[in-house]
Amino acid sequence: MIAITPRPNGRRWGTVSFASTLHLGPVLDVLLAEIPNRWQAELRLGLQEALVNAAKHGNNLDPRKTVLVEFYRVDNAHWWIIADQGVGFDPSSPCTNNCNTQLFNEQEGCGRGLYILEQIFDQVQWNAQGTELRLCKQVRTRSRFPLVS
């Protein structure tokens, strides 16, 4: 089940929560509704990766646990805060800190998902427990083209 708190008139925020599942199409549609077409494919890939990590690795696909996503826009920056109910992980691990400076290498412990997040989003921040992820993308002031089209 998906619970959506739509953005009230004049506000630039909303929330979505859902039981741990990998059926994410409707959730992604809500989270990307106000993203310019130019960035849709790239951000869909990044958000899907983040939501899969929360549901699968954080909540172990336990349908009794939920993933909560707060999303908002401030000027040209779009933010998503994704929280799971898992035990968390160590966000100070070498992969989390160095994933953006090294090529993806499974043997080195840098996960594909973390690498994708670092490539797509302008800011990737974890809380100390590793149960909440903050993602930011500036969609209008970026000079580069999307990675995915």
C-alpha atoms as a PDB file:
ATOM      1  CA  MET A   1       0.000   0.000   0.000  1.00  0.00           C
ATOM      2  CA  ILE A   2       1.216   3.483  -0.856  1.00  0.00           C
ATOM      3  CA  ALA A   3       0.324   6.522   1.260  1.00  0.00           C
ATOM      4  CA  ILE A   4       0.772   9.881  -0.425  1.00  0.00           C
ATOM      5  CA  THR A   5       0.548  13.284   1.181  1.00  0.00           C
ATOM      6  CA  PRO A   6       0.223  15.567  -1.810  1.00  0.00           C
ATOM      7  CA  ARG A   7       1.823  18.943  -1.895  1.00  0.00           C
ATOM      8  CA  PRO A   8      -0.634  21.431  -0.447  1.00  0.00           C
ATOM      9  CA  ASN A   9      -1.449  24.443  -2.607  1.00  0.00           C
ATOM     10  CA  GLY A  10       1.483  26.801  -2.681  1.00  0.00           C
ATOM     11  CA  ARG A  11       3.829  24.386  -0.908  1.00  0.00           C
ATOM     12  CA  ARG A  12       6.764  22.649  -2.463  1.00  0.00           C
ATOM     13  CA  TRP A  13       6.892  19.488  -0.375  1.00  0.00           C
ATOM     14  CA  GLY A  14       5.160  16.155   0.014  1.00  0.00           C
ATOM     15  CA  THR A  15       5.580  12.692   1.491  1.00  0.00           C
ATOM     16  CA  VAL A  16       5.179   9.149   0.242  1.00  0.00           C
ATOM     17  CA  SER A  17       5.355   6.005   2.345  1.00  0.00           C
ATOM     18  CA  PHE A  18       5.044   2.416   1.233  1.00  0.00           C
ATOM     19  CA  ALA A  19       5.485  -1.107   2.552  1.00  0.00           C
ATOM     20  CA  SER A  20       8.829  -2.617   1.571  1.00  0.00           C
ATOM     21  CA  THR A  21       8.450  -3.761  -2.013  1.00  0.00           C
ATOM     22  CA  LEU A  22      10.325  -3.634  -5.278  1.00  0.00           C
ATOM     23  CA  HIS A  23       7.205  -2.554  -7.219  1.00  0.00           C
ATOM     24  CA  LEU A  24       8.228   1.083  -7.351  1.00  0.00           C
ATOM     25  CA  GLY A  25       6.685   2.460 -10.552  1.00  0.00           C
ATOM     26  CA  PRO A  26       3.848   4.421  -8.914  1.00  0.00           C
ATOM     27  CA  VAL A  27       6.134   5.788  -6.197  1.00  0.00           C
ATOM     28  CA  LEU A  28       8.695   6.944  -8.761  1.00  0.00           C
ATOM     29  CA  ASP A  29       5.943   8.599 -10.812  1.00  0.00           C
ATOM     30  CA  VAL A  30       4.922  10.686  -7.787  1.00  0.00           C
ATOM     31  CA  LEU A  31       8.507  11.581  -6.853  1.00  0.00           C
ATOM     32  CA  LEU A  32       9.352  12.683 -10.392  1.00  0.00           C
ATOM     33  CA  ALA A  33       6.123  14.490 -11.265  1.00  0.00           C
ATOM     34  CA  GLU A  34       7.686  17.962 -11.235  1.00  0.00           C
ATOM     35  CA  ILE A  35      11.080  17.070 -12.698  1.00  0.00           C
ATOM     36  CA  PRO A  36      11.818  18.492 -16.164  1.00  0.00           C
ATOM     37  CA  ASN A  37      11.699  15.861 -18.937  1.00  0.00           C
ATOM     38  CA  ARG A  38      15.392  16.327 -19.629  1.00  0.00           C
ATOM     39  CA  TRP A  39      16.256  14.832 -16.199  1.00  0.00           C
ATOM     40  CA  GLN A  40      13.475  12.226 -15.861  1.00  0.00           C
ATOM     41  CA  ALA A  41      15.394   9.104 -16.966  1.00  0.00           C
ATOM     42  CA  GLU A  42      18.530   9.866 -14.955  1.00  0.00           C
ATOM     43  CA  LEU A  43      16.688  10.715 -11.754  1.00  0.00           C
ATOM     44  CA  ARG A  44      14.352   7.734 -12.146  1.00  0.00           C
ATOM     45  CA  LEU A  45      17.417   5.473 -12.219  1.00  0.00           C
ATOM     46  CA  GLY A  46      18.935   7.145  -9.147  1.00  0.00           C
ATOM     47  CA  LEU A  47      15.753   7.223  -7.090  1.00  0.00           C
ATOM     48  CA  GLN A  48      14.926   3.640  -8.013  1.00  0.00           C
ATOM     49  CA  GLU A  49      18.345   2.573  -6.787  1.00  0.00           C
ATOM     50  CA  ALA A  50      17.900   4.466  -3.513  1.00  0.00           C
ATOM     51  CA  LEU A  51      14.398   3.055  -2.933  1.00  0.00           C
ATOM     52  CA  VAL A  52      15.501  -0.508  -3.729  1.00  0.00           C
ATOM     53  CA  ASN A  53      18.364  -0.129  -1.244  1.00  0.00           C
ATOM     54  CA  ALA A  54      15.954   1.086   1.456  1.00  0.00           C
ATOM     55  CA  ALA A  55      13.363  -1.646   0.872  1.00  0.00           C
ATOM     56  CA  LYS A  56      15.733  -4.536   0.166  1.00  0.00           C
ATOM     57  CA  HIS A  57      18.877  -3.857   2.196  1.00  0.00           C
ATOM     58  CA  GLY A  58      17.389  -1.618   4.895  1.00  0.00           C
ATOM     59  CA  ASN A  59      14.041  -3.311   5.528  1.00  0.00           C
ATOM     60  CA  ASN A  60      14.910  -6.778   4.168  1.00  0.00           C
ATOM     61  CA  LEU A  61      11.712  -6.599   2.079  1.00  0.00           C
ATOM     62  CA  ASP A  62       9.699  -7.022   5.279  1.00  0.00           C
ATOM     63  CA  PRO A  63       6.166  -5.893   4.290  1.00  0.00           C
ATOM     64  CA  ARG A  64       5.555  -4.788   7.897  1.00  0.00           C
ATOM     65  CA  LYS A  65       8.285  -2.162   7.551  1.00  0.00           C
ATOM     66  CA  THR A  66       7.860   1.001   5.533  1.00  0.00           C
ATOM     67  CA  VAL A  67      10.017   3.305   3.489  1.00  0.00           C
ATOM     68  CA  LEU A  68       9.251   6.987   3.978  1.00  0.00           C
ATOM     69  CA  VAL A  69      10.193   9.585   1.374  1.00  0.00           C
ATOM     70  CA  GLU A  70       9.920  13.316   1.939  1.00  0.00           C
ATOM     71  CA  PHE A  71      10.428  15.388  -1.173  1.00  0.00           C
ATOM     72  CA  TYR A  72      10.603  19.082  -1.782  1.00  0.00           C
ATOM     73  CA  ARG A  73      11.943  21.789  -4.027  1.00  0.00           C
ATOM     74  CA  VAL A  74      13.884  24.881  -3.017  1.00  0.00           C
ATOM     75  CA  ASP A  75      14.559  27.168  -5.971  1.00  0.00           C
ATOM     76  CA  ASN A  76      16.299  24.939  -8.550  1.00  0.00           C
ATOM     77  CA  ALA A  77      17.183  22.161  -6.120  1.00  0.00           C
ATOM     78  CA  HIS A  78      15.043  19.056  -5.741  1.00  0.00           C
ATOM     79  CA  TRP A  79      15.505  17.099  -2.497  1.00  0.00           C
ATOM     80  CA  TRP A  80      14.461  13.600  -1.490  1.00  0.00           C
ATOM     81  CA  ILE A  81      14.883  12.249   2.042  1.00  0.00           C
ATOM     82  CA  ILE A  82      14.523   8.470   2.104  1.00  0.00           C
ATOM     83  CA  ALA A  83      14.248   6.660   5.442  1.00  0.00           C
ATOM     84  CA  ASP A  84      13.952   2.953   6.163  1.00  0.00           C
ATOM     85  CA  GLN A  85      13.248   1.029   9.373  1.00  0.00           C
ATOM     86  CA  GLY A  86      16.288  -1.225   9.179  1.00  0.00           C
ATOM     87  CA  VAL A  87      19.277  -1.505  11.495  1.00  0.00           C
ATOM     88  CA  GLY A  88      21.326   0.761   9.231  1.00  0.00           C
ATOM     89  CA  PHE A  89      24.896   0.529   8.035  1.00  0.00           C
ATOM     90  CA  ASP A  90      28.123   2.400   8.636  1.00  0.00           C
ATOM     91  CA  PRO A  91      27.958   5.480   6.389  1.00  0.00           C
ATOM     92  CA  SER A  92      31.604   6.258   7.177  1.00  0.00           C
ATOM     93  CA  SER A  93      32.755   3.119   5.350  1.00  0.00           C
ATOM     94  CA  PRO A  94      35.422   3.612   2.654  1.00  0.00           C
ATOM     95  CA  CYS A  95      32.903   2.950  -0.114  1.00  0.00           C
ATOM     96  CA  THR A  96      30.512   5.636   1.038  1.00  0.00           C
ATOM     97  CA  ASN A  97      33.326   8.182   1.358  1.00  0.00           C
ATOM     98  CA  ASN A  98      35.261   7.326  -1.813  1.00  0.00           C
ATOM     99  CA  CYS A  99      32.662   5.988  -4.202  1.00  0.00           C
ATOM    100  CA  ASN A 100      32.617   9.204  -6.200  1.00  0.00           C
ATOM    101  CA  THR A 101      36.388   9.199  -6.753  1.00  0.00           C
ATOM    102  CA  GLN A 102      36.913   5.634  -7.883  1.00  0.00           C
ATOM    103  CA  LEU A 103      35.491   3.491 -10.617  1.00  0.00           C
ATOM    104  CA  PHE A 104      32.930   0.940  -9.546  1.00  0.00           C
ATOM    105  CA  ASN A 105      34.799  -2.137  -8.396  1.00  0.00           C
ATOM    106  CA  GLU A 106      32.923  -4.923  -6.661  1.00  0.00           C
ATOM    107  CA  GLN A 107      36.103  -6.450  -5.246  1.00  0.00           C
ATOM    108  CA  GLU A 108      36.977  -3.148  -3.532  1.00  0.00           C
ATOM    109  CA  GLY A 109      33.611  -3.126  -1.733  1.00  0.00           C
ATOM    110  CA  CYS A 110      32.096  -0.188  -3.583  1.00  0.00           C
ATOM    111  CA  GLY A 111      28.506  -1.116  -4.347  1.00  0.00           C
ATOM    112  CA  ARG A 112      26.913  -0.420  -7.685  1.00  0.00           C
ATOM    113  CA  GLY A 113      24.012   1.428  -6.081  1.00  0.00           C
ATOM    114  CA  LEU A 114      26.154   3.814  -4.066  1.00  0.00           C
ATOM    115  CA  TYR A 115      28.272   4.522  -7.117  1.00  0.00           C
ATOM    116  CA  ILE A 116      25.160   5.322  -9.186  1.00  0.00           C
ATOM    117  CA  LEU A 117      23.864   7.698  -6.496  1.00  0.00           C
ATOM    118  CA  GLU A 118      27.170   9.568  -6.374  1.00  0.00           C
ATOM    119  CA  GLN A 119      27.182   9.963 -10.168  1.00  0.00           C
ATOM    120  CA  ILE A 120      23.591  11.151 -10.530  1.00  0.00           C
ATOM    121  CA  PHE A 121      22.960  13.409  -7.554  1.00  0.00           C
ATOM    122  CA  ASP A 122      24.735  16.636  -6.631  1.00  0.00           C
ATOM    123  CA  GLN A 123      24.541  15.812  -2.918  1.00  0.00           C
ATOM    124  CA  VAL A 124      24.367  12.406  -1.236  1.00  0.00           C
ATOM    125  CA  GLN A 125      24.239  12.512   2.565  1.00  0.00           C
ATOM    126  CA  TRP A 126      23.564   9.762   5.128  1.00  0.00           C
ATOM    127  CA  ASN A 127      22.526  10.148   8.738  1.00  0.00           C
ATOM    128  CA  ALA A 128      24.909   8.691  11.343  1.00  0.00           C
ATOM    129  CA  GLN A 129      22.889   5.465  11.659  1.00  0.00           C
ATOM    130  CA  GLY A 130      22.771   4.787   7.916  1.00  0.00           C
ATOM    131  CA  THR A 131      18.961   4.637   7.887  1.00  0.00           C
ATOM    132  CA  GLU A 132      18.249   7.968   6.204  1.00  0.00           C
ATOM    133  CA  LEU A 133      19.545   9.224   2.877  1.00  0.00           C
ATOM    134  CA  ARG A 134      19.325  12.820   1.613  1.00  0.00           C
ATOM    135  CA  LEU A 135      19.619  13.331  -2.126  1.00  0.00           C
ATOM    136  CA  CYS A 136      19.728  16.636  -3.982  1.00  0.00           C
ATOM    137  CA  LYS A 137      19.692  17.456  -7.674  1.00  0.00           C
ATOM    138  CA  GLN A 138      19.867  20.926  -9.160  1.00  0.00           C
ATOM    139  CA  VAL A 139      18.023  20.610 -12.437  1.00  0.00           C
ATOM    140  CA  ARG A 140      18.073  24.076 -13.986  1.00  0.00           C
ATOM    141  CA  THR A 141      21.554  25.378 -13.279  1.00  0.00           C
ATOM    142  CA  ARG A 142      23.500  22.320 -14.377  1.00  0.00           C
ATOM    143  CA  SER A 143      25.609  22.746 -17.480  1.00  0.00           C
ATOM    144  CA  ARG A 144      26.165  19.067 -18.212  1.00  0.00           C
ATOM    145  CA  PHE A 145      23.720  16.841 -20.007  1.00  0.00           C
ATOM    146  CA  PRO A 146      22.002  14.008 -18.161  1.00  0.00           C
ATOM    147  CA  LEU A 147      23.899  10.728 -17.908  1.00  0.00           C
ATOM    148  CA  VAL A 148      20.838   8.805 -19.073  1.00  0.00           C
ATOM    149  CA  SER A 149      18.575   9.969 -21.860  1.00  0.00           C
END
